[in-house]
Amino acid sequence: MNGTSADLPAPRSPTAARLAGSPIVWAALLALLFGVPIFRSVTRRIGASPVVLGTLPAFTLTDQRGQPFGTRELTGKVWVADFIFTACQEACPLLSQKMAEVGRRARKLGPDFHLVSISVDPARDTPAALAAYGARYGANPIAWSFLTGPADAIEAAVVGGFKVGMGRDKTSGEGAGDFWQIFHGENLVLVDRELRIRGYFPATPEGIDQLLAAAGRVANGA
């Protein structure tokens, strides 16, 4: 059967043919298609450096092994702090669970990453009580320190240093007696190697993800 010129594909120019067969052109097209999304993904993961919110003053407290522990031992480490007391039945168990999660997920940061839980009820939270409490959450004393000490030293570190509220309110009402309700901040605080506060993070799934991302950047010198 005879066909017309309309039935045949238009011939490609020699230049177009050469370009279509060039590996350089195909490499450039692939880089354009895949390189931009990869670049965006990488820059999104890197993110901005966490801002410096303040510097902690020196403090020395006592850990769950009965040993002095404070800023001297923490200088040079990236660490996360929270504030708890062992008799707490509401916020503290959640905080400690989240701290344990942070410790597990941050293992790749190595021994220079540390967890610190400071008791806001030092009158009752002895080193032995803190050791028993930490054991409930699988705390390794080498990587997770629970701190207690004189009340004025605790307040100076928590309120004066971390700028986190703490205190006691006497419960009112019939039959309340002399019961005091202890209150404290419920954020996790990221601190860098130079004892600078780099962020306050809620103990939520989103907050923990943000904390770990920020800790990775700080650990890498951001």
C-alpha atoms as a PDB file:
ATOM      1  CA  MET A   1       0.000   0.000   0.000  1.00  0.00           C
ATOM      2  CA  ASN A   2       1.324   3.417  -0.913  1.00  0.00           C
ATOM      3  CA  GLY A   3       1.515   5.977   1.871  1.00  0.00           C
ATOM      4  CA  THR A   4       1.805   9.720   1.780  1.00  0.00           C
ATOM      5  CA  SER A   5       4.465  11.826   3.434  1.00  0.00           C
ATOM      6  CA  ALA A   6       1.975  12.498   6.284  1.00  0.00           C
ATOM      7  CA  ASP A   7       2.141   8.817   7.259  1.00  0.00           C
ATOM      8  CA  LEU A   8       5.892   8.927   7.931  1.00  0.00           C
ATOM      9  CA  PRO A   9       7.584  10.429  11.061  1.00  0.00           C
ATOM     10  CA  ALA A  10       9.499  13.624  10.490  1.00  0.00           C
ATOM     11  CA  PRO A  11      13.228  12.978  10.256  1.00  0.00           C
ATOM     12  CA  ARG A  12      15.286  14.169  13.263  1.00  0.00           C
ATOM     13  CA  SER A  13      17.973  16.689  12.629  1.00  0.00           C
ATOM     14  CA  PRO A  14      21.569  15.417  13.008  1.00  0.00           C
ATOM     15  CA  THR A  15      22.050  17.756  16.005  1.00  0.00           C
ATOM     16  CA  ALA A  16      18.951  16.430  17.790  1.00  0.00           C
ATOM     17  CA  ALA A  17      20.034  12.861  17.144  1.00  0.00           C
ATOM     18  CA  ARG A  18      23.478  13.488  18.536  1.00  0.00           C
ATOM     19  CA  LEU A  19      22.042  15.136  21.680  1.00  0.00           C
ATOM     20  CA  ALA A  20      19.540  12.338  22.260  1.00  0.00           C
ATOM     21  CA  GLY A  21      22.301   9.769  22.115  1.00  0.00           C
ATOM     22  CA  SER A  22      24.721  11.676  24.291  1.00  0.00           C
ATOM     23  CA  PRO A  23      25.336  10.194  27.789  1.00  0.00           C
ATOM     24  CA  ILE A  24      26.186  13.678  29.036  1.00  0.00           C
ATOM     25  CA  VAL A  25      22.723  14.946  28.138  1.00  0.00           C
ATOM     26  CA  TRP A  26      21.063  12.004  29.864  1.00  0.00           C
ATOM     27  CA  ALA A  27      23.232  12.505  32.947  1.00  0.00           C
ATOM     28  CA  ALA A  28      22.242  16.161  33.058  1.00  0.00           C
ATOM     29  CA  LEU A  29      18.545  15.280  32.758  1.00  0.00           C
ATOM     30  CA  LEU A  30      18.810  12.703  35.552  1.00  0.00           C
ATOM     31  CA  ALA A  31      20.641  15.191  37.763  1.00  0.00           C
ATOM     32  CA  LEU A  32      17.896  17.743  37.149  1.00  0.00           C
ATOM     33  CA  LEU A  33      15.116  15.246  37.864  1.00  0.00           C
ATOM     34  CA  PHE A  34      16.621  13.670  40.968  1.00  0.00           C
ATOM     35  CA  GLY A  35      19.237  16.112  42.200  1.00  0.00           C
ATOM     36  CA  VAL A  36      16.844  18.910  43.164  1.00  0.00           C
ATOM     37  CA  PRO A  37      14.657  16.713  45.425  1.00  0.00           C
ATOM     38  CA  ILE A  38      17.764  15.206  47.040  1.00  0.00           C
ATOM     39  CA  PHE A  39      19.238  18.649  47.655  1.00  0.00           C
ATOM     40  CA  ARG A  40      15.996  19.838  49.199  1.00  0.00           C
ATOM     41  CA  SER A  41      15.833  16.732  51.394  1.00  0.00           C
ATOM     42  CA  VAL A  42      19.414  17.163  52.594  1.00  0.00           C
ATOM     43  CA  THR A  43      19.017  20.850  53.359  1.00  0.00           C
ATOM     44  CA  ARG A  44      15.761  20.139  55.148  1.00  0.00           C
ATOM     45  CA  ARG A  45      17.493  17.574  57.393  1.00  0.00           C
ATOM     46  CA  ILE A  46      20.407  19.856  58.144  1.00  0.00           C
ATOM     47  CA  GLY A  47      18.169  22.759  59.130  1.00  0.00           C
ATOM     48  CA  ALA A  48      19.178  25.856  61.001  1.00  0.00           C
ATOM     49  CA  SER A  49      21.570  25.864  63.913  1.00  0.00           C
ATOM     50  CA  PRO A  50      19.692  25.999  67.255  1.00  0.00           C
ATOM     51  CA  VAL A  51      19.992  29.449  68.771  1.00  0.00           C
ATOM     52  CA  VAL A  52      21.869  30.068  72.017  1.00  0.00           C
ATOM     53  CA  LEU A  53      19.351  30.933  74.730  1.00  0.00           C
ATOM     54  CA  GLY A  54      21.747  31.403  77.641  1.00  0.00           C
ATOM     55  CA  THR A  55      24.691  29.893  79.488  1.00  0.00           C
ATOM     56  CA  LEU A  56      24.399  27.801  82.637  1.00  0.00           C
ATOM     57  CA  PRO A  57      26.292  28.876  85.745  1.00  0.00           C
ATOM     58  CA  ALA A  58      28.541  26.333  87.423  1.00  0.00           C
ATOM     59  CA  PHE A  59      26.816  23.911  89.784  1.00  0.00           C
ATOM     60  CA  THR A  60      27.737  20.742  91.642  1.00  0.00           C
ATOM     61  CA  LEU A  61      25.096  18.343  92.940  1.00  0.00           C
ATOM     62  CA  THR A  62      25.102  14.642  93.900  1.00  0.00           C
ATOM     63  CA  ASP A  63      24.253  11.791  91.552  1.00  0.00           C
ATOM     64  CA  GLN A  64      22.462   8.495  92.234  1.00  0.00           C
ATOM     65  CA  ARG A  65      25.786   6.872  93.153  1.00  0.00           C
ATOM     66  CA  GLY A  66      26.410   9.443  95.860  1.00  0.00           C
ATOM     67  CA  GLN A  67      29.175  11.121  93.838  1.00  0.00           C
ATOM     68  CA  PRO A  68      29.590  14.857  93.140  1.00  0.00           C
ATOM     69  CA  PHE A  69      28.321  15.652  89.665  1.00  0.00           C
ATOM     70  CA  GLY A  70      27.675  18.887  87.811  1.00  0.00           C
ATOM     71  CA  THR A  71      28.853  21.276  85.155  1.00  0.00           C
ATOM     72  CA  ARG A  72      32.463  20.206  85.554  1.00  0.00           C
ATOM     73  CA  GLU A  73      31.598  16.676  84.436  1.00  0.00           C
ATOM     74  CA  LEU A  74      29.185  17.897  81.744  1.00  0.00           C
ATOM     75  CA  THR A  75      31.462  20.394  80.025  1.00  0.00           C
ATOM     76  CA  GLY A  76      32.410  18.990  76.628  1.00  0.00           C
ATOM     77  CA  LYS A  77      29.239  16.899  76.333  1.00  0.00           C
ATOM     78  CA  VAL A  78      25.957  17.458  74.537  1.00  0.00           C
ATOM     79  CA  TRP A  79      23.245  16.746  77.082  1.00  0.00           C
ATOM     80  CA  VAL A  80      19.534  16.869  77.791  1.00  0.00           C
ATOM     81  CA  ALA A  81      18.081  17.788  81.170  1.00  0.00           C
ATOM     82  CA  ASP A  82      14.668  17.372  82.717  1.00  0.00           C
ATOM     83  CA  PHE A  83      13.190  17.997  86.174  1.00  0.00           C
ATOM     84  CA  ILE A  84      11.399  15.333  88.174  1.00  0.00           C
ATOM     85  CA  PHE A  85      10.785  13.925  91.651  1.00  0.00           C
ATOM     86  CA  THR A  86      10.340  10.291  92.542  1.00  0.00           C
ATOM     87  CA  ALA A  87       6.957  10.641  94.263  1.00  0.00           C
ATOM     88  CA  CYS A  88       5.449  12.297  91.200  1.00  0.00           C
ATOM     89  CA  GLN A  89       2.590  10.303  89.691  1.00  0.00           C
ATOM     90  CA  GLU A  90       1.618  12.499  86.757  1.00  0.00           C
ATOM     91  CA  ALA A  91       4.144  14.319  84.571  1.00  0.00           C
ATOM     92  CA  CYS A  92       7.346  12.691  85.814  1.00  0.00           C
ATOM     93  CA  PRO A  93       6.746   9.128  84.587  1.00  0.00           C
ATOM     94  CA  LEU A  94       6.049  10.490  81.098  1.00  0.00           C
ATOM     95  CA  LEU A  95       9.127  12.712  81.242  1.00  0.00           C
ATOM     96  CA  SER A  96      11.313   9.793  82.297  1.00  0.00           C
ATOM     97  CA  GLN A  97       9.883   7.565  79.562  1.00  0.00           C
ATOM     98  CA  LYS A  98      10.674  10.246  77.004  1.00  0.00           C
ATOM     99  CA  MET A  99      14.184  10.701  78.404  1.00  0.00           C
ATOM    100  CA  ALA A 100      14.740   6.955  78.067  1.00  0.00           C
ATOM    101  CA  GLU A 101      13.531   7.181  74.464  1.00  0.00           C
ATOM    102  CA  VAL A 102      15.914  10.062  73.779  1.00  0.00           C
ATOM    103  CA  GLY A 103      18.782   8.007  75.202  1.00  0.00           C
ATOM    104  CA  ARG A 104      17.965   5.034  72.973  1.00  0.00           C
ATOM    105  CA  ARG A 105      17.546   7.092  69.824  1.00  0.00           C
ATOM    106  CA  ALA A 106      20.678   9.177  70.445  1.00  0.00           C
ATOM    107  CA  ARG A 107      23.066   6.232  70.872  1.00  0.00           C
ATOM    108  CA  LYS A 108      24.749   7.079  67.577  1.00  0.00           C
ATOM    109  CA  LEU A 109      25.999  10.303  69.171  1.00  0.00           C
ATOM    110  CA  GLY A 110      28.296   8.202  71.353  1.00  0.00           C
ATOM    111  CA  PRO A 111      29.580   8.678  74.907  1.00  0.00           C
ATOM    112  CA  ASP A 112      29.660  12.469  74.575  1.00  0.00           C
ATOM    113  CA  PHE A 113      25.856  12.518  74.806  1.00  0.00           C
ATOM    114  CA  HIS A 114      24.373  12.497  78.322  1.00  0.00           C
ATOM    115  CA  LEU A 115      21.030  12.620  80.111  1.00  0.00           C
ATOM    116  CA  VAL A 116      20.502  14.526  83.365  1.00  0.00           C
ATOM    117  CA  SER A 117      17.402  14.405  85.571  1.00  0.00           C
ATOM    118  CA  ILE A 118      17.369  16.882  88.461  1.00  0.00           C
ATOM    119  CA  SER A 119      15.097  16.242  91.437  1.00  0.00           C
ATOM    120  CA  VAL A 120      13.009  19.176  92.620  1.00  0.00           C
ATOM    121  CA  ASP A 121      12.229  17.339  95.879  1.00  0.00           C
ATOM    122  CA  PRO A 122      15.728  16.908  97.333  1.00  0.00           C
ATOM    123  CA  ALA A 123      14.441  16.467 100.894  1.00  0.00           C
ATOM    124  CA  ARG A 124      13.026  13.055  99.968  1.00  0.00           C
ATOM    125  CA  ASP A 125      14.983  12.167  96.855  1.00  0.00           C
ATOM    126  CA  THR A 126      18.182  10.722  98.266  1.00  0.00           C
ATOM    127  CA  PRO A 127      20.779   9.165  95.947  1.00  0.00           C
ATOM    128  CA  ALA A 128      19.385   5.726  96.827  1.00  0.00           C
ATOM    129  CA  ALA A 129      15.825   6.801  95.993  1.00  0.00           C
ATOM    130  CA  LEU A 130      17.001   8.236  92.678  1.00  0.00           C
ATOM    131  CA  ALA A 131      18.950   5.064  91.868  1.00  0.00           C
ATOM    132  CA  ALA A 132      15.839   2.956  92.423  1.00  0.00           C
ATOM    133  CA  TYR A 133      13.752   5.364  90.365  1.00  0.00           C
ATOM    134  CA  GLY A 134      16.255   5.374  87.504  1.00  0.00           C
ATOM    135  CA  ALA A 135      16.354   1.574  87.472  1.00  0.00           C
ATOM    136  CA  ARG A 136      12.635   1.575  86.636  1.00  0.00           C
ATOM    137  CA  TYR A 137      13.504   3.253  83.346  1.00  0.00           C
ATOM    138  CA  GLY A 138      16.603   1.218  82.569  1.00  0.00           C
ATOM    139  CA  ALA A 139      18.925   4.120  83.318  1.00  0.00           C
ATOM    140  CA  ASN A 140      22.644   3.453  82.968  1.00  0.00           C
ATOM    141  CA  PRO A 141      24.439   5.678  85.541  1.00  0.00           C
ATOM    142  CA  ILE A 142      27.269   6.218  83.068  1.00  0.00           C
ATOM    143  CA  ALA A 143      24.907   7.789  80.510  1.00  0.00           C
ATOM    144  CA  TRP A 144      22.028   9.089  82.649  1.00  0.00           C
ATOM    145  CA  SER A 145      22.609  10.992  85.883  1.00  0.00           C
ATOM    146  CA  PHE A 146      19.901  11.639  88.486  1.00  0.00           C
ATOM    147  CA  LEU A 147      20.875  14.573  90.677  1.00  0.00           C
ATOM    148  CA  THR A 148      19.921  15.756  94.128  1.00  0.00           C
ATOM    149  CA  GLY A 149      21.495  18.075  96.674  1.00  0.00           C
ATOM    150  CA  PRO A 150      20.774  20.952  99.048  1.00  0.00           C
ATOM    151  CA  ALA A 151      17.512  22.731  98.265  1.00  0.00           C
ATOM    152  CA  ASP A 152      19.204  26.082  97.662  1.00  0.00           C
ATOM    153  CA  ALA A 153      21.680  24.513  95.229  1.00  0.00           C
ATOM    154  CA  ILE A 154      18.858  22.784  93.349  1.00  0.00           C
ATOM    155  CA  GLU A 155      16.888  26.027  93.102  1.00  0.00           C
ATOM    156  CA  ALA A 156      19.938  27.961  91.948  1.00  0.00           C
ATOM    157  CA  ALA A 157      20.592  25.434  89.181  1.00  0.00           C
ATOM    158  CA  VAL A 158      16.988  24.969  88.053  1.00  0.00           C
ATOM    159  CA  VAL A 159      15.515  28.453  88.438  1.00  0.00           C
ATOM    160  CA  GLY A 160      18.640  30.580  88.209  1.00  0.00           C
ATOM    161  CA  GLY A 161      20.444  28.505  85.591  1.00  0.00           C
ATOM    162  CA  PHE A 162      17.887  26.736  83.411  1.00  0.00           C
ATOM    163  CA  LYS A 163      15.234  29.466  83.940  1.00  0.00           C
ATOM    164  CA  VAL A 164      12.705  26.761  84.733  1.00  0.00           C
ATOM    165  CA  GLY A 165      10.073  27.214  87.419  1.00  0.00           C
ATOM    166  CA  MET A 166       9.829  24.980  90.483  1.00  0.00           C
ATOM    167  CA  GLY A 167       8.333  25.205  93.948  1.00  0.00           C
ATOM    168  CA  ARG A 168       5.725  23.919  96.346  1.00  0.00           C
ATOM    169  CA  ASP A 169       2.115  24.982  96.925  1.00  0.00           C
ATOM    170  CA  LYS A 170       0.281  24.013 100.083  1.00  0.00           C
ATOM    171  CA  THR A 171      -2.905  22.142  99.210  1.00  0.00           C
ATOM    172  CA  SER A 172      -6.027  23.832 100.497  1.00  0.00           C
ATOM    173  CA  GLY A 173      -9.327  22.270 101.457  1.00  0.00           C
ATOM    174  CA  GLU A 174     -10.748  20.170 104.255  1.00  0.00           C
ATOM    175  CA  GLY A 175      -8.510  17.287 105.240  1.00  0.00           C
ATOM    176  CA  ALA A 176      -5.580  18.611 103.242  1.00  0.00           C
ATOM    177  CA  GLY A 177      -3.417  18.871 106.340  1.00  0.00           C
ATOM    178  CA  ASP A 178       0.170  19.820 105.607  1.00  0.00           C
ATOM    179  CA  PHE A 179       0.272  18.269 102.150  1.00  0.00           C
ATOM    180  CA  TRP A 180       2.355  20.222  99.644  1.00  0.00           C
ATOM    181  CA  GLN A 181       2.022  19.983  95.897  1.00  0.00           C
ATOM    182  CA  ILE A 182       5.331  20.215  94.065  1.00  0.00           C
ATOM    183  CA  PHE A 183       5.427  21.867  90.661  1.00  0.00           C
ATOM    184  CA  HIS A 184       8.200  22.050  88.077  1.00  0.00           C
ATOM    185  CA  GLY A 185       8.864  22.689  84.409  1.00  0.00           C
ATOM    186  CA  GLU A 186       7.945  19.881  82.020  1.00  0.00           C
ATOM    187  CA  ASN A 187      10.170  20.668  79.029  1.00  0.00           C
ATOM    188  CA  LEU A 188      13.359  18.846  78.097  1.00  0.00           C
ATOM    189  CA  VAL A 189      16.325  21.186  77.800  1.00  0.00           C
ATOM    190  CA  LEU A 190      19.156  20.747  75.285  1.00  0.00           C
ATOM    191  CA  VAL A 191      22.601  21.964  76.394  1.00  0.00           C
ATOM    192  CA  ASP A 192      25.745  22.070  74.275  1.00  0.00           C
ATOM    193  CA  ARG A 193      29.387  21.351  75.073  1.00  0.00           C
ATOM    194  CA  GLU A 194      29.959  24.891  76.331  1.00  0.00           C
ATOM    195  CA  LEU A 195      27.033  24.716  78.798  1.00  0.00           C
ATOM    196  CA  ARG A 196      24.849  26.854  76.544  1.00  0.00           C
ATOM    197  CA  ILE A 197      21.105  26.217  76.437  1.00  0.00           C
ATOM    198  CA  ARG A 198      20.077  25.437  72.850  1.00  0.00           C
ATOM    199  CA  GLY A 199      16.375  24.759  73.204  1.00  0.00           C
ATOM    200  CA  TYR A 200      13.360  23.782  75.318  1.00  0.00           C
ATOM    201  CA  PHE A 201      11.286  20.915  73.933  1.00  0.00           C
ATOM    202  CA  PRO A 202       7.922  19.477  75.039  1.00  0.00           C
ATOM    203  CA  ALA A 203       7.697  15.787  75.878  1.00  0.00           C
ATOM    204  CA  THR A 204       5.519  15.061  72.852  1.00  0.00           C
ATOM    205  CA  PRO A 205       6.359  12.883  69.837  1.00  0.00           C
ATOM    206  CA  GLU A 206       6.916  16.007  67.733  1.00  0.00           C
ATOM    207  CA  GLY A 207       8.945  17.633  70.493  1.00  0.00           C
ATOM    208  CA  ILE A 208      11.198  14.603  70.881  1.00  0.00           C
ATOM    209  CA  ASP A 209      11.803  14.463  67.118  1.00  0.00           C
ATOM    210  CA  GLN A 210      12.741  18.151  67.145  1.00  0.00           C
ATOM    211  CA  LEU A 211      14.992  17.656  70.159  1.00  0.00           C
ATOM    212  CA  LEU A 212      16.887  14.784  68.539  1.00  0.00           C
ATOM    213  CA  ALA A 213      17.324  16.707  65.291  1.00  0.00           C
ATOM    214  CA  ALA A 214      18.669  19.699  67.214  1.00  0.00           C
ATOM    215  CA  ALA A 215      20.953  17.478  69.314  1.00  0.00           C
ATOM    216  CA  GLY A 216      22.420  15.994  66.136  1.00  0.00           C
ATOM    217  CA  ARG A 217      23.177  19.436  64.745  1.00  0.00           C
ATOM    218  CA  VAL A 218      24.705  20.620  68.021  1.00  0.00           C
ATOM    219  CA  ALA A 219      26.800  17.456  68.286  1.00  0.00           C
ATOM    220  CA  ASN A 220      28.131  18.143  64.795  1.00  0.00           C
ATOM    221  CA  GLY A 221      29.206  21.650  65.728  1.00  0.00           C
ATOM    222  CA  ALA A 222      26.193  23.663  64.596  1.00  0.00           C
END
